[in-house]
Amino acid sequence: MIKTSDKSVKKESLEMFKLIQMYMGDRKSKDSQPNVALEITTKGWSLPTLRDEIFIQICRQTTENK
């Protein structure tokens, strides 16, 4: 969602989107929902460049999602 030229941030953003989809139940996961939530939180805490990206993705994923 956030424009950047850093390829590592782009890769991590995609991984975060997949994790958020797993947490929401839109994508299958081998991990439990609490473990997925912990991974999202841990990555957001350890990678400050992804915090805004995670926030935007969560907002978009939870808006009008059945």
N, C-alpha and C. Protein backbone atom coordinates (compact mmCIF):
# COMPACT_ATOMS: atom_id res chain seq x y z
N MET A 1 0.81 -1.19 0.00
CA MET A 1 0.00 0.00 0.00
C MET A 1 0.86 1.26 0.00
N ILE A 2 1.91 1.25 0.80
CA ILE A 2 2.79 2.41 0.87
C ILE A 2 3.85 2.27 -0.22
N LYS A 3 4.07 3.33 -0.95
CA LYS A 3 5.04 3.30 -2.04
C LYS A 3 6.45 3.41 -1.49
N THR A 4 7.30 2.50 -1.95
CA THR A 4 8.70 2.50 -1.55
C THR A 4 9.52 1.85 -2.65
N SER A 5 10.78 2.20 -2.69
CA SER A 5 11.67 1.58 -3.67
C SER A 5 12.52 0.49 -3.04
N ASP A 6 12.40 0.32 -1.73
CA ASP A 6 13.17 -0.69 -1.01
C ASP A 6 12.55 -2.07 -1.23
N LYS A 7 13.29 -2.95 -1.89
CA LYS A 7 12.75 -4.26 -2.24
C LYS A 7 12.49 -5.13 -1.02
N SER A 8 13.28 -4.99 0.02
CA SER A 8 13.06 -5.79 1.22
C SER A 8 11.76 -5.39 1.92
N VAL A 9 11.45 -4.10 1.91
CA VAL A 9 10.20 -3.63 2.50
C VAL A 9 9.01 -4.13 1.68
N LYS A 10 9.15 -4.12 0.37
CA LYS A 10 8.08 -4.63 -0.49
C LYS A 10 7.83 -6.11 -0.23
N LYS A 11 8.90 -6.87 -0.08
CA LYS A 11 8.77 -8.30 0.19
C LYS A 11 8.09 -8.54 1.54
N GLU A 12 8.54 -7.82 2.55
CA GLU A 12 7.94 -7.96 3.88
C GLU A 12 6.47 -7.52 3.88
N SER A 13 6.15 -6.50 3.10
CA SER A 13 4.76 -6.03 3.01
C SER A 13 3.86 -7.13 2.46
N LEU A 14 4.35 -7.83 1.45
CA LEU A 14 3.59 -8.92 0.87
C LEU A 14 3.40 -10.05 1.88
N GLU A 15 4.46 -10.37 2.62
CA GLU A 15 4.37 -11.40 3.65
C GLU A 15 3.38 -10.99 4.75
N MET A 16 3.38 -9.72 5.10
CA MET A 16 2.45 -9.24 6.12
C MET A 16 1.01 -9.36 5.62
N PHE A 17 0.79 -9.05 4.35
CA PHE A 17 -0.55 -9.16 3.79
C PHE A 17 -1.04 -10.60 3.86
N LYS A 18 -0.17 -11.53 3.55
CA LYS A 18 -0.53 -12.95 3.63
C LYS A 18 -0.86 -13.34 5.07
N LEU A 19 -0.06 -12.86 6.02
CA LEU A 19 -0.33 -13.16 7.43
C LEU A 19 -1.67 -12.58 7.88
N ILE A 20 -1.96 -11.37 7.44
CA ILE A 20 -3.23 -10.75 7.82
C ILE A 20 -4.39 -11.54 7.22
N GLN A 21 -4.25 -12.00 5.99
CA GLN A 21 -5.28 -12.83 5.38
C GLN A 21 -5.45 -14.14 6.15
N MET A 22 -4.35 -14.72 6.61
CA MET A 22 -4.42 -15.95 7.41
C MET A 22 -5.16 -15.69 8.72
N TYR A 23 -4.86 -14.58 9.35
CA TYR A 23 -5.52 -14.25 10.61
C TYR A 23 -7.02 -14.07 10.41
N MET A 24 -7.39 -13.43 9.30
CA MET A 24 -8.80 -13.18 9.02
C MET A 24 -9.54 -14.43 8.53
N GLY A 25 -8.80 -15.48 8.18
CA GLY A 25 -9.43 -16.70 7.71
C GLY A 25 -9.66 -16.71 6.20
N ASP A 26 -9.10 -15.74 5.50
CA ASP A 26 -9.23 -15.67 4.04
C ASP A 26 -8.20 -16.54 3.34
N ARG A 27 -7.20 -16.99 4.07
CA ARG A 27 -6.14 -17.84 3.52
C ARG A 27 -5.87 -18.92 4.56
N LYS A 28 -5.60 -20.13 4.10
CA LYS A 28 -5.33 -21.23 5.03
C LYS A 28 -3.96 -21.07 5.65
N SER A 29 -3.87 -21.54 6.90
CA SER A 29 -2.61 -21.43 7.64
C SER A 29 -2.38 -22.70 8.45
N LYS A 30 -1.12 -23.07 8.57
CA LYS A 30 -0.76 -24.20 9.41
C LYS A 30 -0.71 -23.78 10.88
N ASP A 31 -0.46 -22.50 11.12
CA ASP A 31 -0.40 -21.97 12.48
C ASP A 31 -1.79 -21.62 12.99
N SER A 32 -1.90 -21.55 14.30
CA SER A 32 -3.16 -21.14 14.91
C SER A 32 -3.30 -19.62 14.78
N GLN A 33 -4.52 -19.15 14.95
CA GLN A 33 -4.80 -17.72 14.82
C GLN A 33 -3.98 -16.89 15.82
N PRO A 34 -3.87 -17.30 17.09
CA PRO A 34 -3.04 -16.52 18.02
C PRO A 34 -1.57 -16.46 17.61
N ASN A 35 -1.04 -17.54 17.03
CA ASN A 35 0.35 -17.53 16.57
C ASN A 35 0.54 -16.58 15.40
N VAL A 36 -0.43 -16.53 14.51
CA VAL A 36 -0.35 -15.60 13.37
C VAL A 36 -0.41 -14.16 13.88
N ALA A 37 -1.29 -13.90 14.83
CA ALA A 37 -1.39 -12.55 15.42
C ALA A 37 -0.09 -12.17 16.10
N LEU A 38 0.54 -13.11 16.78
CA LEU A 38 1.81 -12.85 17.44
C LEU A 38 2.90 -12.52 16.41
N GLU A 39 2.90 -13.24 15.30
CA GLU A 39 3.90 -12.98 14.26
C GLU A 39 3.71 -11.59 13.64
N ILE A 40 2.45 -11.21 13.40
CA ILE A 40 2.16 -9.88 12.86
C ILE A 40 2.65 -8.81 13.83
N THR A 41 2.33 -8.99 15.10
CA THR A 41 2.72 -8.02 16.13
C THR A 41 4.24 -7.94 16.28
N THR A 42 4.89 -9.08 16.28
CA THR A 42 6.34 -9.13 16.44
C THR A 42 7.04 -8.45 15.27
N LYS A 43 6.58 -8.71 14.06
CA LYS A 43 7.20 -8.08 12.89
C LYS A 43 6.96 -6.57 12.90
N GLY A 44 5.78 -6.15 13.30
CA GLY A 44 5.49 -4.73 13.38
C GLY A 44 6.35 -4.03 14.42
N TRP A 45 6.65 -4.74 15.49
CA TRP A 45 7.48 -4.18 16.54
C TRP A 45 8.95 -4.14 16.13
N SER A 46 9.41 -5.18 15.45
CA SER A 46 10.82 -5.28 15.11
C SER A 46 11.19 -4.54 13.83
N LEU A 47 10.21 -4.28 12.97
CA LEU A 47 10.47 -3.58 11.71
C LEU A 47 9.63 -2.30 11.64
N PRO A 48 10.13 -1.20 12.19
CA PRO A 48 9.36 0.04 12.23
C PRO A 48 8.91 0.54 10.86
N THR A 49 9.65 0.18 9.81
CA THR A 49 9.26 0.64 8.46
C THR A 49 7.97 0.00 8.00
N LEU A 50 7.55 -1.09 8.64
CA LEU A 50 6.33 -1.78 8.23
C LEU A 50 5.10 -1.39 9.05
N ARG A 51 5.26 -0.62 10.08
CA ARG A 51 4.14 -0.32 10.98
C ARG A 51 2.97 0.35 10.26
N ASP A 52 3.25 1.37 9.47
CA ASP A 52 2.18 2.04 8.73
C ASP A 52 1.54 1.09 7.73
N GLU A 53 2.36 0.29 7.09
CA GLU A 53 1.87 -0.68 6.12
C GLU A 53 0.92 -1.68 6.78
N ILE A 54 1.31 -2.19 7.93
CA ILE A 54 0.46 -3.14 8.66
C ILE A 54 -0.86 -2.49 9.05
N PHE A 55 -0.80 -1.28 9.55
CA PHE A 55 -2.00 -0.56 9.95
C PHE A 55 -2.96 -0.40 8.77
N ILE A 56 -2.44 0.03 7.64
CA ILE A 56 -3.29 0.24 6.45
C ILE A 56 -3.87 -1.09 5.98
N GLN A 57 -3.06 -2.13 5.96
CA GLN A 57 -3.55 -3.43 5.52
C GLN A 57 -4.64 -3.96 6.43
N ILE A 58 -4.47 -3.81 7.72
CA ILE A 58 -5.49 -4.27 8.67
C ILE A 58 -6.79 -3.48 8.48
N CYS A 59 -6.67 -2.17 8.31
CA CYS A 59 -7.86 -1.34 8.08
C CYS A 59 -8.59 -1.79 6.82
N ARG A 60 -7.87 -1.99 5.76
CA ARG A 60 -8.50 -2.39 4.50
C ARG A 60 -9.08 -3.80 4.57
N GLN A 61 -8.39 -4.70 5.28
CA GLN A 61 -8.85 -6.08 5.36
C GLN A 61 -10.08 -6.21 6.26
N THR A 62 -10.20 -5.37 7.26
CA THR A 62 -11.32 -5.50 8.19
C THR A 62 -12.53 -4.64 7.78
N THR A 63 -12.38 -3.80 6.80
CA THR A 63 -13.49 -2.98 6.35
C THR A 63 -14.33 -3.77 5.36
N GLU A 64 -15.58 -3.98 5.73
CA GLU A 64 -16.57 -4.70 4.91
C GLU A 64 -16.11 -6.10 4.52
N ASN A 65 -15.41 -6.77 5.41
CA ASN A 65 -14.99 -8.15 5.16
C ASN A 65 -15.96 -9.08 5.87
N LYS A 66 -16.60 -9.91 5.11
CA LYS A 66 -17.59 -10.83 5.70
C LYS A 66 -16.87 -12.00 6.26
